[in-house]
Amino acid sequence: MKKILLIEDNKAVRENITEILELDNYEVLSAPNGKVGVDLATKDLPDLIICDIMMPELDGYGVLHMLSKNAKTSAIPFIFLTAKAERADFRKGMEMGADDFITKPFDDIELLNAVQTRLRKSDLLKAEFSANKEGVNDFFKQVKETGLVDLTQGDRETQSFKKKQMVYTQSQRPTCLYFVVKGKVKTFKMNDDGKELITGIYTEGDFLGYTALIEETVYLDNAEAMEDLELMLIPKTDFASLLNTDGYVAKKFIKLLSKNLLDREEQLINLAYSSLRKRVANGLLLVYDKFKKTPADKPRLEMSREDLAQVVGTATESLIRTLSDFKSEKLIDIREGKIFILDEVKLKNLLN
């Protein structure tokens, strides 16, 4: 049962709102003024606070200010209840961190809808979503239920690709964000000599294609299936709505994307500043981490030397010589075309 704190100095209004909320199966704590309300909020940590603005001793703005300074109460959804509807009051409240306003007089449905929306939003922000098809669909479902972001109906569409099939090509304009449900996909650029440079490797649980969507430009690289592939397609309109409609939802969505962004940044720094040995060691560890399905998987890589060279950003011949050095140093072994990592710790030490 969700717990709601109601701070309202008018006894009749307080009792009426309490009755409405209790009939909808909420537990209600009530306070007749702001000082009592702050004490109750700090002690009982409710799931949501409804607070009148105009009150003696400590008004609603003061309550919000005090609670926002307390780490335990700063994230509790906060709804102002007011008889005033001046634009300046709304602006002041929202700038201070209020989540919503309800203007008196109001009906039961308006109150309950506002409460339900804010509680759903709070649940969304607290939730953790797994990096798989079910987790991403659950994220979209919960976002839609909050009513804060207008998304398309139903689960996201999925599309299958065969090995070597192109997902998108350079200069193509994006229409969706891709999420890898199954398989692996690489993104790459071609230099003036027609050689490839792999800019990213994406496996189950990764997003790709978001840079062009964020920058509202064409793709600057190509994407190709490295094996049979299943991608979830998230429409461009949904992507834009998630980033631009509500700040809290956008932060949650960006958290899902952030792992990819950090991986990409690390890879580019490695290409720019590291020696060949460091780049090869980093490439081996990066590809191994992408290809393993569980932490218990044996550290081996099944990837062409050409593709691995493109990840590292070097010629295939230079890669092969460095791999031979690593083999003689017993860092790796090479059998039947597969690379087995023998000493993961020493490879990581090469990066320091």
Protein backbone atom coordinates (compact mmCIF):
# COMPACT_ATOMS: atom_id res chain seq x y z
CA MET A 1 0.00 0.00 0.00
CA LYS A 2 1.40 3.39 -1.04
CA LYS A 3 1.78 6.00 1.71
CA ILE A 4 0.79 9.62 1.02
CA LEU A 5 1.49 12.61 3.24
CA LEU A 6 -1.16 15.36 3.05
CA ILE A 7 -0.19 18.79 4.42
CA GLU A 8 -3.25 21.08 4.56
CA ASP A 9 -4.27 23.63 7.20
CA ASN A 10 -7.98 23.60 6.32
CA LYS A 11 -9.51 20.76 8.35
CA ALA A 12 -12.53 20.20 6.07
CA VAL A 13 -10.34 20.04 2.94
CA ARG A 14 -7.85 17.79 4.72
CA GLU A 15 -10.54 15.34 5.80
CA ASN A 16 -12.16 15.33 2.34
CA ILE A 17 -8.90 14.57 0.53
CA THR A 18 -7.99 11.92 3.10
CA GLU A 19 -11.30 10.16 2.51
CA ILE A 20 -10.86 10.22 -1.28
CA LEU A 21 -7.35 8.77 -1.07
CA GLU A 22 -8.25 6.11 1.50
CA LEU A 23 -11.16 4.95 -0.64
CA ASP A 24 -8.64 4.39 -3.44
CA ASN A 25 -6.58 2.19 -1.10
CA TYR A 26 -3.83 4.64 -0.11
CA GLU A 27 -2.47 5.01 3.40
CA VAL A 28 -2.75 8.69 4.34
CA LEU A 29 -0.72 10.65 6.89
CA SER A 30 -2.06 14.16 7.51
CA ALA A 31 -0.47 17.31 8.90
CA PRO A 32 -2.27 20.58 9.79
CA ASN A 33 0.72 22.81 8.99
CA GLY A 34 4.09 22.86 7.28
CA LYS A 35 6.23 22.28 10.36
CA VAL A 36 4.35 19.12 11.33
CA GLY A 37 4.45 18.04 7.70
CA VAL A 38 8.24 18.31 7.47
CA ASP A 39 8.60 16.26 10.67
CA LEU A 40 6.26 13.54 9.37
CA ALA A 41 7.97 13.44 5.97
CA THR A 42 11.41 13.05 7.57
CA LYS A 43 10.25 10.37 10.01
CA ASP A 44 7.87 8.28 7.84
CA LEU A 45 9.31 8.85 4.31
CA PRO A 46 6.02 8.72 2.37
CA ASP A 47 5.80 7.69 -1.29
CA LEU A 48 4.24 11.04 -2.25
CA ILE A 49 3.50 14.42 -0.66
CA ILE A 50 0.49 16.65 -1.35
CA CYS A 51 0.99 20.08 0.16
CA ASP A 52 -1.05 23.30 0.30
CA ILE A 53 0.85 26.49 -0.52
CA MET A 54 -0.79 29.09 1.70
CA MET A 55 -0.38 27.94 5.31
CA PRO A 56 0.57 29.62 8.61
CA GLU A 57 3.96 29.03 10.31
CA LEU A 58 5.59 27.41 7.27
CA ASP A 59 4.06 27.70 3.79
CA GLY A 60 4.27 25.11 1.01
CA TYR A 61 7.32 26.71 -0.58
CA GLY A 62 9.13 26.47 2.74
CA VAL A 63 8.15 22.82 3.11
CA LEU A 64 9.46 21.99 -0.37
CA HIS A 65 12.68 23.93 0.27
CA MET A 66 13.40 22.09 3.52
CA LEU A 67 12.59 18.64 2.12
CA SER A 68 14.67 19.21 -1.02
CA LYS A 69 17.73 19.84 1.17
CA ASN A 70 17.35 16.48 2.92
CA ALA A 71 18.84 13.54 1.01
CA LYS A 72 16.20 11.19 2.44
CA THR A 73 13.24 13.27 1.25
CA SER A 74 14.53 15.16 -1.80
CA ALA A 75 13.38 12.51 -4.30
CA ILE A 76 9.82 12.11 -2.91
CA PRO A 77 7.25 13.23 -5.55
CA PHE A 78 5.72 16.56 -4.47
CA ILE A 79 2.33 17.95 -5.57
CA PHE A 80 1.26 21.47 -4.66
CA LEU A 81 -2.37 22.04 -3.73
CA THR A 82 -3.42 25.65 -4.22
CA ALA A 83 -6.39 27.96 -4.62
CA LYS A 84 -4.17 30.31 -6.62
CA ALA A 85 -3.63 29.81 -10.33
CA GLU A 86 -1.22 32.64 -11.10
CA ARG A 87 1.49 31.83 -13.64
CA ALA A 88 4.18 33.18 -11.30
CA ASP A 89 3.14 30.70 -8.59
CA PHE A 90 3.39 27.78 -11.01
CA ARG A 91 6.79 28.92 -12.23
CA LYS A 92 8.15 29.40 -8.72
CA GLY A 93 6.93 25.97 -7.60
CA MET A 94 8.29 24.13 -10.63
CA GLU A 95 11.65 25.90 -10.38
CA MET A 96 11.90 24.74 -6.77
CA GLY A 97 11.30 21.14 -7.83
CA ALA A 98 7.55 20.53 -7.51
CA ASP A 99 6.27 17.71 -9.72
CA ASP A 100 2.70 18.95 -10.24
CA PHE A 101 0.00 21.44 -9.25
CA ILE A 102 -3.64 20.79 -8.41
CA THR A 103 -5.80 23.91 -8.34
CA LYS A 104 -8.79 24.16 -6.01
CA PRO A 105 -11.58 23.42 -6.59
CA PHE A 106 -10.86 19.99 -8.10
CA ASP A 107 -12.81 16.76 -8.54
CA ASP A 108 -11.95 13.30 -7.24
CA ILE A 109 -10.77 11.97 -10.61
CA GLU A 110 -8.39 14.89 -11.18
CA LEU A 111 -6.78 14.30 -7.79
CA LEU A 112 -6.47 10.53 -8.18
CA ASN A 113 -5.09 10.80 -11.73
CA ALA A 114 -2.39 13.24 -10.58
CA VAL A 115 -1.44 10.96 -7.68
CA GLN A 116 -1.35 7.84 -9.84
CA THR A 117 0.78 9.50 -12.53
CA ARG A 118 3.37 10.75 -10.05
CA LEU A 119 3.58 7.41 -8.25
CA ARG A 120 4.08 5.57 -11.55
CA LYS A 121 6.82 8.00 -12.47
CA SER A 122 8.48 7.45 -9.10
CA ASP A 123 8.31 3.67 -9.56
CA LEU A 124 9.86 4.05 -13.02
CA LEU A 125 12.79 6.04 -11.66
CA LYS A 126 13.44 3.47 -8.92
CA ALA A 127 13.18 0.47 -11.23
CA GLU A 128 16.14 -1.31 -12.78
CA PHE A 129 15.66 -2.80 -16.25
CA SER A 130 17.56 -5.78 -17.60
CA ALA A 131 19.50 -5.34 -20.84
CA ASN A 132 17.36 -7.71 -22.91
CA LYS A 133 14.21 -7.63 -25.02
CA GLU A 134 11.91 -8.12 -22.04
CA GLY A 135 13.66 -5.44 -19.98
CA VAL A 136 13.51 -2.82 -22.73
CA ASN A 137 9.85 -3.58 -23.47
CA ASP A 138 9.11 -3.32 -19.74
CA PHE A 139 10.81 0.09 -19.68
CA PHE A 140 8.65 1.33 -22.57
CA LYS A 141 5.52 -0.11 -20.97
CA GLN A 142 6.17 1.63 -17.65
CA VAL A 143 7.00 4.92 -19.39
CA LYS A 144 3.73 4.77 -21.33
CA GLU A 145 1.73 4.00 -18.17
CA THR A 146 3.01 7.16 -16.49
CA GLY A 147 1.21 9.19 -19.15
CA LEU A 148 4.14 11.61 -19.25
CA VAL A 149 5.50 10.52 -22.64
CA ASP A 150 3.41 9.78 -25.73
CA LEU A 151 4.73 6.52 -27.19
CA THR A 152 3.49 4.23 -29.97
CA GLN A 153 1.26 1.32 -28.96
CA GLY A 154 2.40 -2.24 -28.30
CA ASP A 155 5.78 -3.94 -28.10
CA ARG A 156 8.56 -2.76 -30.35
CA GLU A 157 8.92 -4.36 -33.81
CA THR A 158 11.87 -6.72 -34.36
CA GLN A 159 13.74 -7.38 -37.60
CA SER A 160 16.10 -10.22 -38.56
CA PHE A 161 19.35 -9.89 -40.54
CA LYS A 162 21.61 -12.56 -42.02
CA LYS A 163 25.39 -12.62 -41.53
CA LYS A 164 27.10 -9.93 -43.65
CA GLN A 165 23.77 -8.17 -44.27
CA MET A 166 23.86 -4.39 -43.90
CA VAL A 167 21.70 -2.84 -41.17
CA TYR A 168 22.33 0.70 -42.37
CA THR A 169 24.89 2.50 -44.53
CA GLN A 170 26.86 5.72 -44.28
CA SER A 171 24.92 8.85 -45.36
CA GLN A 172 21.58 7.07 -44.84
CA ARG A 173 19.08 9.05 -42.73
CA PRO A 174 17.98 7.22 -39.56
CA THR A 175 14.36 6.29 -38.93
CA CYS A 176 14.78 4.36 -35.67
CA LEU A 177 17.03 3.36 -32.79
CA TYR A 178 18.27 -0.24 -32.84
CA PHE A 179 18.50 -2.58 -29.84
CA VAL A 180 20.37 -5.88 -30.20
CA VAL A 181 18.10 -8.73 -29.13
CA LYS A 182 20.30 -11.54 -30.47
CA GLY A 183 23.60 -11.78 -32.34
CA LYS A 184 26.39 -9.28 -33.04
CA VAL A 185 26.75 -6.28 -35.31
CA LYS A 186 29.74 -4.11 -36.15
CA THR A 187 29.87 -0.46 -37.19
CA PHE A 188 32.71 0.67 -39.42
CA LYS A 189 34.05 3.41 -41.65
CA MET A 190 35.98 3.16 -44.90
CA ASN A 191 39.16 5.19 -45.43
CA ASP A 192 40.34 6.61 -48.75
CA ASP A 193 42.19 3.35 -49.52
CA GLY A 194 39.03 1.30 -49.07
CA LYS A 195 40.11 -0.19 -45.74
CA GLU A 196 37.67 -0.64 -42.89
CA LEU A 197 37.99 0.78 -39.39
CA ILE A 198 35.57 -0.81 -36.93
CA THR A 199 34.06 1.92 -34.75
CA GLY A 200 32.01 -0.38 -32.54
CA ILE A 201 30.92 -3.94 -31.81
CA TYR A 202 27.43 -4.41 -30.42
CA THR A 203 26.01 -7.53 -28.81
CA GLU A 204 22.87 -8.53 -26.92
CA GLY A 205 21.68 -5.70 -24.70
CA ASP A 206 23.37 -2.89 -26.69
CA PHE A 207 21.80 0.07 -28.50
CA LEU A 208 23.19 1.42 -31.76
CA GLY A 209 22.41 4.22 -34.16
CA TYR A 210 21.64 6.80 -31.48
CA THR A 211 24.34 9.34 -32.42
CA ALA A 212 22.73 10.22 -35.75
CA LEU A 213 19.33 10.47 -34.03
CA ILE A 214 20.63 12.77 -31.29
CA GLU A 215 22.51 15.00 -33.74
CA GLU A 216 19.65 14.84 -36.28
CA THR A 217 22.02 13.98 -39.08
CA VAL A 218 22.82 11.05 -41.38
CA TYR A 219 24.78 7.98 -40.28
CA LEU A 220 28.52 8.61 -40.33
CA ASP A 221 29.40 4.91 -40.45
CA ASN A 222 28.03 1.57 -41.67
CA ALA A 223 26.47 -1.24 -39.64
CA GLU A 224 26.77 -4.90 -40.69
CA ALA A 225 25.62 -8.16 -39.08
CA MET A 226 28.58 -10.25 -37.92
CA GLU A 227 26.29 -13.28 -37.54
CA ASP A 228 22.56 -13.96 -37.73
CA LEU A 229 21.03 -11.00 -35.98
CA GLU A 230 17.74 -9.88 -34.41
CA LEU A 231 17.22 -6.18 -33.74
CA MET A 232 14.42 -4.35 -31.96
CA LEU A 233 13.37 -1.18 -33.77
CA ILE A 234 12.48 1.85 -31.63
CA PRO A 235 10.82 4.52 -33.82
CA LYS A 236 12.53 7.89 -34.17
CA THR A 237 9.44 9.62 -32.76
CA ASP A 238 9.58 7.51 -29.58
CA PHE A 239 13.30 8.19 -29.21
CA ALA A 240 12.71 11.95 -29.48
CA SER A 241 9.81 11.81 -27.02
CA LEU A 242 11.89 9.94 -24.43
CA LEU A 243 14.67 12.52 -24.59
CA ASN A 244 12.64 15.71 -24.88
CA THR A 245 9.30 15.33 -23.09
CA ASP A 246 10.16 14.73 -19.44
CA GLY A 247 13.54 15.30 -17.77
CA TYR A 248 13.30 12.43 -15.30
CA VAL A 249 12.27 9.92 -17.95
CA ALA A 250 15.08 11.18 -20.19
CA LYS A 251 17.64 10.55 -17.43
CA LYS A 252 16.38 7.00 -17.00
CA PHE A 253 16.54 6.37 -20.74
CA ILE A 254 20.02 7.90 -21.02
CA LYS A 255 21.17 5.54 -18.27
CA LEU A 256 20.23 2.64 -20.57
CA LEU A 257 22.29 4.20 -23.37
CA SER A 258 25.23 5.36 -21.25
CA LYS A 259 27.15 2.07 -21.27
CA ASN A 260 27.44 2.25 -25.06
CA LEU A 261 28.54 5.89 -24.94
CA LEU A 262 31.30 5.15 -22.43
CA ASP A 263 32.52 2.14 -24.43
CA ARG A 264 32.69 4.25 -27.61
CA GLU A 265 34.61 7.06 -25.87
CA GLU A 266 37.11 4.61 -24.36
CA GLN A 267 37.69 2.97 -27.73
CA LEU A 268 38.36 6.31 -29.47
CA ILE A 269 40.81 7.43 -26.74
CA ASN A 270 42.61 4.10 -27.05
CA LEU A 271 42.96 4.48 -30.83
CA ALA A 272 44.26 8.03 -30.52
CA TYR A 273 46.83 7.72 -27.75
CA SER A 274 47.90 4.12 -27.13
CA SER A 275 50.82 2.14 -28.54
CA LEU A 276 50.16 -0.79 -30.88
CA ARG A 277 50.69 -3.35 -28.07
CA LYS A 278 48.21 -1.51 -25.84
CA ARG A 279 45.71 -1.20 -28.67
CA VAL A 280 45.92 -4.91 -29.49
CA ALA A 281 45.60 -5.89 -25.81
CA ASN A 282 42.64 -3.55 -25.42
CA GLY A 283 41.06 -4.88 -28.62
CA LEU A 284 41.38 -8.49 -27.44
CA LEU A 285 39.81 -7.69 -24.08
CA LEU A 286 37.07 -5.55 -25.66
CA VAL A 287 36.06 -8.23 -28.15
CA TYR A 288 36.25 -10.98 -25.54
CA ASP A 289 34.00 -8.98 -23.22
CA LYS A 290 31.51 -8.43 -26.04
CA PHE A 291 31.48 -12.05 -27.17
CA LYS A 292 31.23 -13.87 -23.85
CA LYS A 293 27.71 -14.76 -22.78
CA THR A 294 28.39 -15.49 -19.09
CA PRO A 295 31.25 -14.62 -16.69
CA ALA A 296 32.19 -18.31 -16.65
CA ASP A 297 32.84 -18.45 -20.41
CA LYS A 298 36.36 -19.49 -21.43
CA PRO A 299 38.32 -16.47 -22.71
CA ARG A 300 38.51 -17.19 -26.44
CA LEU A 301 37.80 -15.13 -29.55
CA GLU A 302 36.33 -16.36 -32.81
CA MET A 303 36.84 -13.36 -35.07
CA SER A 304 38.65 -12.84 -38.36
CA ARG A 305 42.05 -11.18 -38.21
CA GLU A 306 40.77 -8.53 -40.61
CA ASP A 307 37.88 -7.62 -38.29
CA LEU A 308 40.13 -7.60 -35.23
CA ALA A 309 42.63 -5.37 -37.04
CA GLN A 310 39.79 -2.97 -37.83
CA VAL A 311 38.83 -2.86 -34.14
CA VAL A 312 42.44 -2.09 -33.18
CA GLY A 313 42.91 0.42 -35.99
CA THR A 314 45.98 -1.12 -37.60
CA ALA A 315 47.03 -3.16 -40.61
CA THR A 316 46.29 -6.89 -40.51
CA GLU A 317 50.01 -7.66 -40.85
CA SER A 318 50.85 -5.50 -37.81
CA LEU A 319 48.12 -7.19 -35.79
CA ILE A 320 49.39 -10.67 -36.70
CA ARG A 321 52.97 -9.76 -35.64
CA THR A 322 51.71 -8.43 -32.29
CA LEU A 323 49.56 -11.52 -31.73
CA SER A 324 52.65 -13.65 -32.40
CA ASP A 325 54.55 -11.65 -29.76
CA PHE A 326 51.72 -12.15 -27.27
CA LYS A 327 51.73 -15.88 -28.01
CA SER A 328 55.48 -16.16 -27.36
CA GLU A 329 54.96 -14.26 -24.09
CA LYS A 330 52.24 -16.81 -23.18
CA LEU A 331 49.57 -14.13 -22.93
CA ILE A 332 47.47 -15.88 -25.59
CA ASP A 333 47.35 -19.10 -27.56
CA ILE A 334 46.17 -19.56 -31.14
CA ARG A 335 44.61 -22.88 -32.16
CA GLU A 336 42.56 -23.62 -35.28
CA GLY A 337 42.18 -19.91 -35.99
CA LYS A 338 40.77 -19.16 -32.55
CA ILE A 339 42.51 -16.88 -30.04
CA PHE A 340 42.56 -18.13 -26.44
CA ILE A 341 43.45 -15.64 -23.70
CA LEU A 342 45.82 -17.34 -21.27
CA ASP A 343 46.62 -14.45 -18.94
CA GLU A 344 43.84 -11.86 -18.78
CA VAL A 345 45.49 -10.05 -15.84
CA LYS A 346 48.76 -9.42 -17.71
CA LEU A 347 46.86 -8.22 -20.77
CA LYS A 348 45.00 -5.72 -18.57
CA ASN A 349 48.30 -4.63 -17.05
CA LEU A 350 49.53 -3.68 -20.52
CA LEU A 351 46.86 -0.98 -20.58
CA ASN A 352 48.37 0.86 -17.61
